[in-house]
Amino acid sequence: MSGLRVTTTAEVSMELGTYGAERQEELHAALDRLADASAIGAGTPDGVGWYAELLPGMAFHWVVLEQPRLAIVWQIVLRN
């Protein structure tokens, strides 16, 4: 599977907007890594979709729609 288009839920988009510019760049870079379909293989099934720690201390949860090759990030969890 080649690259995916990545989008976020409205809640995640609002959450991303609360971070400063530097952190937003890191978060968008993590989402870009998710767009590489090989990241799906690095994820762990969680019953709803997949999750992985794409940034240190931050777990991203997503679902994949094979057609139209779309990954939807529905939650980002800050881990302590």
PDB file of N, CA and C in Angstrom:
ATOM      1  N   MET A   1       0.857  -1.171   0.000  1.00  0.00           N
ATOM      2  CA  MET A   1       0.000   0.000   0.000  1.00  0.00           C
ATOM      3  C   MET A   1       0.902   1.233   0.000  1.00  0.00           C
ATOM      4  N   SER A   2       0.661   2.150  -0.904  1.00  0.00           N
ATOM      5  CA  SER A   2       1.438   3.386  -0.913  1.00  0.00           C
ATOM      6  C   SER A   2       0.770   4.407   0.001  1.00  0.00           C
ATOM      7  N   GLY A   3       1.141   5.663  -0.133  1.00  0.00           N
ATOM      8  CA  GLY A   3       0.711   6.698   0.792  1.00  0.00           C
ATOM      9  C   GLY A   3      -0.791   6.874   0.930  1.00  0.00           C
ATOM     10  N   LEU A   4      -1.157   7.420   2.070  1.00  0.00           N
ATOM     11  CA  LEU A   4      -2.554   7.709   2.390  1.00  0.00           C
ATOM     12  C   LEU A   4      -2.732   9.209   2.534  1.00  0.00           C
ATOM     13  N   ARG A   5      -3.932   9.660   2.312  1.00  0.00           N
ATOM     14  CA  ARG A   5      -4.290  11.040   2.649  1.00  0.00           C
ATOM     15  C   ARG A   5      -4.704  11.007   4.108  1.00  0.00           C
ATOM     16  N   VAL A   6      -4.210  11.929   4.905  1.00  0.00           N
ATOM     17  CA  VAL A   6      -4.502  11.958   6.338  1.00  0.00           C
ATOM     18  C   VAL A   6      -5.343  13.178   6.647  1.00  0.00           C
ATOM     19  N   THR A   7      -6.391  12.970   7.405  1.00  0.00           N
ATOM     20  CA  THR A   7      -7.227  14.069   7.875  1.00  0.00           C
ATOM     21  C   THR A   7      -7.461  13.865   9.366  1.00  0.00           C
ATOM     22  N   THR A   8      -8.049  14.834  10.004  1.00  0.00           N
ATOM     23  CA  THR A   8      -8.330  14.742  11.437  1.00  0.00           C
ATOM     24  C   THR A   8      -9.796  15.048  11.693  1.00  0.00           C
ATOM     25  N   THR A   9     -10.286  14.584  12.819  1.00  0.00           N
ATOM     26  CA  THR A   9     -11.634  14.978  13.221  1.00  0.00           C
ATOM     27  C   THR A   9     -11.608  16.441  13.647  1.00  0.00           C
ATOM     28  N   ALA A  10     -12.778  17.048  13.745  1.00  0.00           N
ATOM     29  CA  ALA A  10     -12.864  18.449  14.158  1.00  0.00           C
ATOM     30  C   ALA A  10     -12.257  18.648  15.540  1.00  0.00           C
ATOM     31  N   GLU A  11     -12.475  17.681  16.447  1.00  0.00           N
ATOM     32  CA  GLU A  11     -11.946  17.796  17.807  1.00  0.00           C
ATOM     33  C   GLU A  11     -10.420  17.813  17.802  1.00  0.00           C
ATOM     34  N   VAL A  12      -9.819  16.938  16.989  1.00  0.00           N
ATOM     35  CA  VAL A  12      -8.355  16.896  16.904  1.00  0.00           C
ATOM     36  C   VAL A  12      -7.837  18.175  16.269  1.00  0.00           C
ATOM     37  N   SER A  13      -8.500  18.660  15.241  1.00  0.00           N
ATOM     38  CA  SER A  13      -8.072  19.908  14.600  1.00  0.00           C
ATOM     39  C   SER A  13      -8.081  21.063  15.588  1.00  0.00           C
ATOM     40  N   MET A  14      -9.121  21.136  16.416  1.00  0.00           N
ATOM     41  CA  MET A  14      -9.175  22.196  17.431  1.00  0.00           C
ATOM     42  C   MET A  14      -8.054  22.029  18.444  1.00  0.00           C
ATOM     43  N   GLU A  15      -7.797  20.790  18.848  1.00  0.00           N
ATOM     44  CA  GLU A  15      -6.729  20.526  19.808  1.00  0.00           C
ATOM     45  C   GLU A  15      -5.375  20.935  19.241  1.00  0.00           C
ATOM     46  N   LEU A  16      -5.120  20.613  17.968  1.00  0.00           N
ATOM     47  CA  LEU A  16      -3.852  20.969  17.351  1.00  0.00           C
ATOM     48  C   LEU A  16      -3.650  22.480  17.342  1.00  0.00           C
ATOM     49  N   GLY A  17      -4.743  23.221  17.204  1.00  0.00           N
ATOM     50  CA  GLY A  17      -4.666  24.673  17.170  1.00  0.00           C
ATOM     51  C   GLY A  17      -4.272  25.304  18.485  1.00  0.00           C
ATOM     52  N   THR A  18      -4.296  24.540  19.584  1.00  0.00           N
ATOM     53  CA  THR A  18      -3.949  25.095  20.888  1.00  0.00           C
ATOM     54  C   THR A  18      -2.442  25.077  21.149  1.00  0.00           C
ATOM     55  N   TYR A  19      -1.671  24.399  20.301  1.00  0.00           N
ATOM     56  CA  TYR A  19      -0.227  24.315  20.484  1.00  0.00           C
ATOM     57  C   TYR A  19       0.462  25.476  19.799  1.00  0.00           C
ATOM     58  N   GLY A  20       1.647  25.800  20.272  1.00  0.00           N
ATOM     59  CA  GLY A  20       2.461  26.835  19.648  1.00  0.00           C
ATOM     60  C   GLY A  20       2.970  26.388  18.289  1.00  0.00           C
ATOM     61  N   ALA A  21       3.537  27.318  17.540  1.00  0.00           N
ATOM     62  CA  ALA A  21       3.966  27.053  16.160  1.00  0.00           C
ATOM     63  C   ALA A  21       4.973  25.915  16.074  1.00  0.00           C
ATOM     64  N   GLU A  22       5.961  25.897  16.978  1.00  0.00           N
ATOM     65  CA  GLU A  22       6.988  24.853  16.914  1.00  0.00           C
ATOM     66  C   GLU A  22       6.388  23.470  17.158  1.00  0.00           C
ATOM     67  N   ARG A  23       5.516  23.373  18.145  1.00  0.00           N
ATOM     68  CA  ARG A  23       4.891  22.079  18.440  1.00  0.00           C
ATOM     69  C   ARG A  23       3.950  21.666  17.312  1.00  0.00           C
ATOM     70  N   GLN A  24       3.252  22.639  16.707  1.00  0.00           N
ATOM     71  CA  GLN A  24       2.385  22.318  15.579  1.00  0.00           C
ATOM     72  C   GLN A  24       3.176  21.720  14.428  1.00  0.00           C
ATOM     73  N   GLU A  25       4.394  22.238  14.189  1.00  0.00           N
ATOM     74  CA  GLU A  25       5.244  21.673  13.139  1.00  0.00           C
ATOM     75  C   GLU A  25       5.570  20.217  13.444  1.00  0.00           C
ATOM     76  N   GLU A  26       5.880  19.905  14.704  1.00  0.00           N
ATOM     77  CA  GLU A  26       6.185  18.530  15.096  1.00  0.00           C
ATOM     78  C   GLU A  26       4.963  17.630  14.895  1.00  0.00           C
ATOM     79  N   LEU A  27       3.796  18.138  15.274  1.00  0.00           N
ATOM     80  CA  LEU A  27       2.572  17.357  15.134  1.00  0.00           C
ATOM     81  C   LEU A  27       2.249  17.099  13.670  1.00  0.00           C
ATOM     82  N   HIS A  28       2.414  18.099  12.833  1.00  0.00           N
ATOM     83  CA  HIS A  28       2.143  17.916  11.406  1.00  0.00           C
ATOM     84  C   HIS A  28       3.170  16.978  10.766  1.00  0.00           C
ATOM     85  N   ALA A  29       4.406  17.011  11.245  1.00  0.00           N
ATOM     86  CA  ALA A  29       5.409  16.063  10.748  1.00  0.00           C
ATOM     87  C   ALA A  29       5.017  14.634  11.120  1.00  0.00           C
ATOM     88  N   ALA A  30       4.475  14.451  12.332  1.00  0.00           N
ATOM     89  CA  ALA A  30       4.012  13.117  12.745  1.00  0.00           C
ATOM     90  C   ALA A  30       2.855  12.666  11.865  1.00  0.00           C
ATOM     91  N   LEU A  31       1.938  13.566  11.543  1.00  0.00           N
ATOM     92  CA  LEU A  31       0.830  13.221  10.652  1.00  0.00           C
ATOM     93  C   LEU A  31       1.340  12.884   9.261  1.00  0.00           C
ATOM     94  N   ASP A  32       2.378  13.589   8.814  1.00  0.00           N
ATOM     95  CA  ASP A  32       2.978  13.266   7.510  1.00  0.00           C
ATOM     96  C   ASP A  32       3.576  11.868   7.520  1.00  0.00           C
ATOM     97  N   ARG A  33       4.204  11.485   8.636  1.00  0.00           N
ATOM     98  CA  ARG A  33       4.748  10.125   8.737  1.00  0.00           C
ATOM     99  C   ARG A  33       3.629   9.098   8.661  1.00  0.00           C
ATOM    100  N   LEU A  34       2.495   9.432   9.248  1.00  0.00           N
ATOM    101  CA  LEU A  34       1.350   8.528   9.191  1.00  0.00           C
ATOM    102  C   LEU A  34       0.863   8.368   7.749  1.00  0.00           C
ATOM    103  N   ALA A  35       1.009   9.407   6.942  1.00  0.00           N
ATOM    104  CA  ALA A  35       0.568   9.340   5.550  1.00  0.00           C
ATOM    105  C   ALA A  35       1.345   8.287   4.766  1.00  0.00           C
ATOM    106  N   ASP A  36       2.563   7.986   5.230  1.00  0.00           N
ATOM    107  CA  ASP A  36       3.323   6.897   4.620  1.00  0.00           C
ATOM    108  C   ASP A  36       2.702   5.599   5.118  1.00  0.00           C
ATOM    109  N   ALA A  37       2.116   4.852   4.229  1.00  0.00           N
ATOM    110  CA  ALA A  37       1.331   3.685   4.627  1.00  0.00           C
ATOM    111  C   ALA A  37       2.131   2.679   5.443  1.00  0.00           C
ATOM    112  N   SER A  38       3.465   2.727   5.371  1.00  0.00           N
ATOM    113  CA  SER A  38       4.249   1.806   6.181  1.00  0.00           C
ATOM    114  C   SER A  38       4.054   2.091   7.668  1.00  0.00           C
ATOM    115  N   ALA A  39       3.611   3.308   8.008  1.00  0.00           N
ATOM    116  CA  ALA A  39       3.342   3.627   9.411  1.00  0.00           C
ATOM    117  C   ALA A  39       2.183   2.793   9.941  1.00  0.00           C
ATOM    118  N   ILE A  40       1.272   2.403   9.048  1.00  0.00           N
ATOM    119  CA  ILE A  40       0.147   1.570   9.476  1.00  0.00           C
ATOM    120  C   ILE A  40       0.678   0.269  10.065  1.00  0.00           C
ATOM    121  N   GLY A  41       1.713  -0.300   9.423  1.00  0.00           N
ATOM    122  CA  GLY A  41       2.296  -1.531   9.935  1.00  0.00           C
ATOM    123  C   GLY A  41       2.941  -1.349  11.295  1.00  0.00           C
ATOM    124  N   ALA A  42       3.361  -0.121  11.617  1.00  0.00           N
ATOM    125  CA  ALA A  42       3.976   0.153  12.911  1.00  0.00           C
ATOM    126  C   ALA A  42       2.929   0.368  13.988  1.00  0.00           C
ATOM    127  N   GLY A  43       1.678   0.578  13.573  1.00  0.00           N
ATOM    128  CA  GLY A  43       0.605   0.798  14.531  1.00  0.00           C
ATOM    129  C   GLY A  43       0.135  -0.503  15.157  1.00  0.00           C
ATOM    130  N   THR A  44      -0.650  -0.358  16.221  1.00  0.00           N
ATOM    131  CA  THR A  44      -1.210  -1.497  16.939  1.00  0.00           C
ATOM    132  C   THR A  44      -2.730  -1.425  16.851  1.00  0.00           C
ATOM    133  N   PRO A  45      -3.395  -2.511  16.477  1.00  0.00           N
ATOM    134  CA  PRO A  45      -4.866  -2.474  16.450  1.00  0.00           C
ATOM    135  C   PRO A  45      -5.409  -2.182  17.847  1.00  0.00           C
ATOM    136  N   ASP A  46      -6.452  -1.352  17.932  1.00  0.00           N
ATOM    137  CA  ASP A  46      -7.024  -1.020  19.247  1.00  0.00           C
ATOM    138  C   ASP A  46      -8.519  -1.290  19.331  1.00  0.00           C
ATOM    139  N   GLY A  47      -9.053  -2.065  18.413  1.00  0.00           N
ATOM    140  CA  GLY A  47     -10.479  -2.390  18.447  1.00  0.00           C
ATOM    141  C   GLY A  47     -11.308  -1.469  17.581  1.00  0.00           C
ATOM    142  N   VAL A  48     -10.917  -0.215  17.483  1.00  0.00           N
ATOM    143  CA  VAL A  48     -11.615   0.745  16.629  1.00  0.00           C
ATOM    144  C   VAL A  48     -10.817   0.975  15.363  1.00  0.00           C
ATOM    145  N   GLY A  49      -9.533   1.059  15.496  1.00  0.00           N
ATOM    146  CA  GLY A  49      -8.642   1.318  14.377  1.00  0.00           C
ATOM    147  C   GLY A  49      -7.234   0.941  14.779  1.00  0.00           C
ATOM    148  N   TRP A  50      -6.337   1.921  14.733  1.00  0.00           N
ATOM    149  CA  TRP A  50      -4.926   1.710  15.042  1.00  0.00           C
ATOM    150  C   TRP A  50      -4.444   2.808  15.965  1.00  0.00           C
ATOM    151  N   TYR A  51      -3.337   2.522  16.668  1.00  0.00           N
ATOM    152  CA  TYR A  51      -2.693   3.584  17.427  1.00  0.00           C
ATOM    153  C   TYR A  51      -1.192   3.337  17.471  1.00  0.00           C
ATOM    154  N   ALA A  52      -0.441   4.411  17.650  1.00  0.00           N
ATOM    155  CA  ALA A  52       1.003   4.331  17.807  1.00  0.00           C
ATOM    156  C   ALA A  52       1.476   5.637  18.430  1.00  0.00           C
ATOM    157  N   GLU A  53       2.610   5.566  19.093  1.00  0.00           N
ATOM    158  CA  GLU A  53       3.229   6.760  19.650  1.00  0.00           C
ATOM    159  C   GLU A  53       4.071   7.378  18.538  1.00  0.00           C
ATOM    160  N   LEU A  54       3.490   8.330  17.812  1.00  0.00           N
ATOM    161  CA  LEU A  54       4.165   8.945  16.672  1.00  0.00           C
ATOM    162  C   LEU A  54       5.105  10.063  17.088  1.00  0.00           C
ATOM    163  N   LEU A  55       4.922  10.568  18.296  1.00  0.00           N
ATOM    164  CA  LEU A  55       5.844  11.522  18.903  1.00  0.00           C
ATOM    165  C   LEU A  55       6.103  11.020  20.317  1.00  0.00           C
ATOM    166  N   PRO A  56       7.279  11.274  20.869  1.00  0.00           N
ATOM    167  CA  PRO A  56       7.507  10.838  22.245  1.00  0.00           C
ATOM    168  C   PRO A  56       6.431  11.387  23.182  1.00  0.00           C
ATOM    169  N   GLY A  57       5.748  10.487  23.856  1.00  0.00           N
ATOM    170  CA  GLY A  57       4.724  10.882  24.810  1.00  0.00           C
ATOM    171  C   GLY A  57       3.366  11.189  24.214  1.00  0.00           C
ATOM    172  N   MET A  58       3.198  11.039  22.896  1.00  0.00           N
ATOM    173  CA  MET A  58       1.913  11.329  22.265  1.00  0.00           C
ATOM    174  C   MET A  58       1.480  10.165  21.397  1.00  0.00           C
ATOM    175  N   ALA A  59       0.363   9.561  21.778  1.00  0.00           N
ATOM    176  CA  ALA A  59      -0.188   8.438  21.011  1.00  0.00           C
ATOM    177  C   ALA A  59      -1.277   8.955  20.087  1.00  0.00           C
ATOM    178  N   PHE A  60      -1.192   8.591  18.825  1.00  0.00           N
ATOM    179  CA  PHE A  60      -2.171   8.974  17.813  1.00  0.00           C
ATOM    180  C   PHE A  60      -3.061   7.769  17.540  1.00  0.00           C
ATOM    181  N   HIS A  61      -4.355   7.990  17.490  1.00  0.00           N
ATOM    182  CA  HIS A  61      -5.322   6.939  17.179  1.00  0.00           C
ATOM    183  C   HIS A  61      -5.962   7.276  15.840  1.00  0.00           C
ATOM    184  N   TRP A  62      -6.057   6.287  14.948  1.00  0.00           N
ATOM    185  CA  TRP A  62      -6.616   6.553  13.630  1.00  0.00           C
ATOM    186  C   TRP A  62      -7.361   5.350  13.089  1.00  0.00           C
ATOM    187  N   VAL A  63      -8.186   5.619  12.110  1.00  0.00           N
ATOM    188  CA  VAL A  63      -8.858   4.568  11.347  1.00  0.00           C
ATOM    189  C   VAL A  63      -8.446   4.744   9.890  1.00  0.00           C
ATOM    190  N   VAL A  64      -8.402   3.651   9.161  1.00  0.00           N
ATOM    191  CA  VAL A  64      -8.011   3.679   7.756  1.00  0.00           C
ATOM    192  C   VAL A  64      -9.183   3.231   6.903  1.00  0.00           C
ATOM    193  N   LEU A  65      -9.491   4.002   5.889  1.00  0.00           N
ATOM    194  CA  LEU A  65     -10.471   3.610   4.878  1.00  0.00           C
ATOM    195  C   LEU A  65      -9.671   3.226   3.642  1.00  0.00           C
ATOM    196  N   GLU A  66      -9.655   1.920   3.318  1.00  0.00           N
ATOM    197  CA  GLU A  66      -8.858   1.440   2.189  1.00  0.00           C
ATOM    198  C   GLU A  66      -9.208   2.197   0.912  1.00  0.00           C
ATOM    199  N   GLN A  67     -10.468   2.409   0.694  1.00  0.00           N
ATOM    200  CA  GLN A  67     -10.919   3.242  -0.409  1.00  0.00           C
ATOM    201  C   GLN A  67     -11.742   4.360   0.216  1.00  0.00           C
ATOM    202  N   PRO A  68     -11.363   5.548   0.132  1.00  0.00           N
ATOM    203  CA  PRO A  68     -10.484   6.234  -0.828  1.00  0.00           C
ATOM    204  C   PRO A  68      -9.053   6.472  -0.329  1.00  0.00           C
ATOM    205  N   ARG A  69      -8.422   5.494   0.310  1.00  0.00           N
ATOM    206  CA  ARG A  69      -7.042   5.606   0.793  1.00  0.00           C
ATOM    207  C   ARG A  69      -6.898   6.776   1.745  1.00  0.00           C
ATOM    208  N   LEU A  70      -7.681   6.728   2.804  1.00  0.00           N
ATOM    209  CA  LEU A  70      -7.786   7.826   3.753  1.00  0.00           C
ATOM    210  C   LEU A  70      -7.540   7.326   5.163  1.00  0.00           C
ATOM    211  N   ALA A  71      -6.726   8.048   5.910  1.00  0.00           N
ATOM    212  CA  ALA A  71      -6.542   7.781   7.340  1.00  0.00           C
ATOM    213  C   ALA A  71      -7.137   8.956   8.100  1.00  0.00           C
ATOM    214  N   ILE A  72      -8.010   8.669   9.044  1.00  0.00           N
ATOM    215  CA  ILE A  72      -8.653   9.707   9.843  1.00  0.00           C
ATOM    216  C   ILE A  72      -8.127   9.604  11.265  1.00  0.00           C
ATOM    217  N   VAL A  73      -7.423  10.637  11.718  1.00  0.00           N
ATOM    218  CA  VAL A  73      -6.932  10.680  13.095  1.00  0.00           C
ATOM    219  C   VAL A  73      -8.074  11.184  13.958  1.00  0.00           C
ATOM    220  N   TRP A  74      -8.517  10.331  14.895  1.00  0.00           N
ATOM    221  CA  TRP A  74      -9.675  10.707  15.709  1.00  0.00           C
ATOM    222  C   TRP A  74      -9.316  11.042  17.134  1.00  0.00           C
ATOM    223  N   GLN A  75      -8.081  10.813  17.533  1.00  0.00           N
ATOM    224  CA  GLN A  75      -7.694  11.152  18.902  1.00  0.00           C
ATOM    225  C   GLN A  75      -6.176  11.228  18.991  1.00  0.00           C
ATOM    226  N   ILE A  76      -5.698  12.178  19.797  1.00  0.00           N
ATOM    227  CA  ILE A  76      -4.290  12.257  20.158  1.00  0.00           C
ATOM    228  C   ILE A  76      -4.245  12.306  21.682  1.00  0.00           C
ATOM    229  N   VAL A  77      -3.512  11.376  22.274  1.00  0.00           N
ATOM    230  CA  VAL A  77      -3.471  11.258  23.726  1.00  0.00           C
ATOM    231  C   VAL A  77      -2.066  11.569  24.223  1.00  0.00           C
ATOM    232  N   LEU A  78      -1.973  12.521  25.134  1.00  0.00           N
ATOM    233  CA  LEU A  78      -0.713  12.850  25.762  1.00  0.00           C
ATOM    234  C   LEU A  78      -0.456  11.841  26.863  1.00  0.00           C
ATOM    235  N   ARG A  79       0.665  11.145  26.777  1.00  0.00           N
ATOM    236  CA  ARG A  79       1.014  10.124  27.772  1.00  0.00           C
ATOM    237  C   ARG A  79       2.031  10.712  28.747  1.00  0.00           C
ATOM    238  N   ASN A  80       1.869  10.391  30.008  1.00  0.00           N
ATOM    239  CA  ASN A  80       2.804  10.889  31.030  1.00  0.00           C
ATOM    240  C   ASN A  80       3.945   9.934  31.230  1.00  0.00           C
TER     241      ASN A  80
END
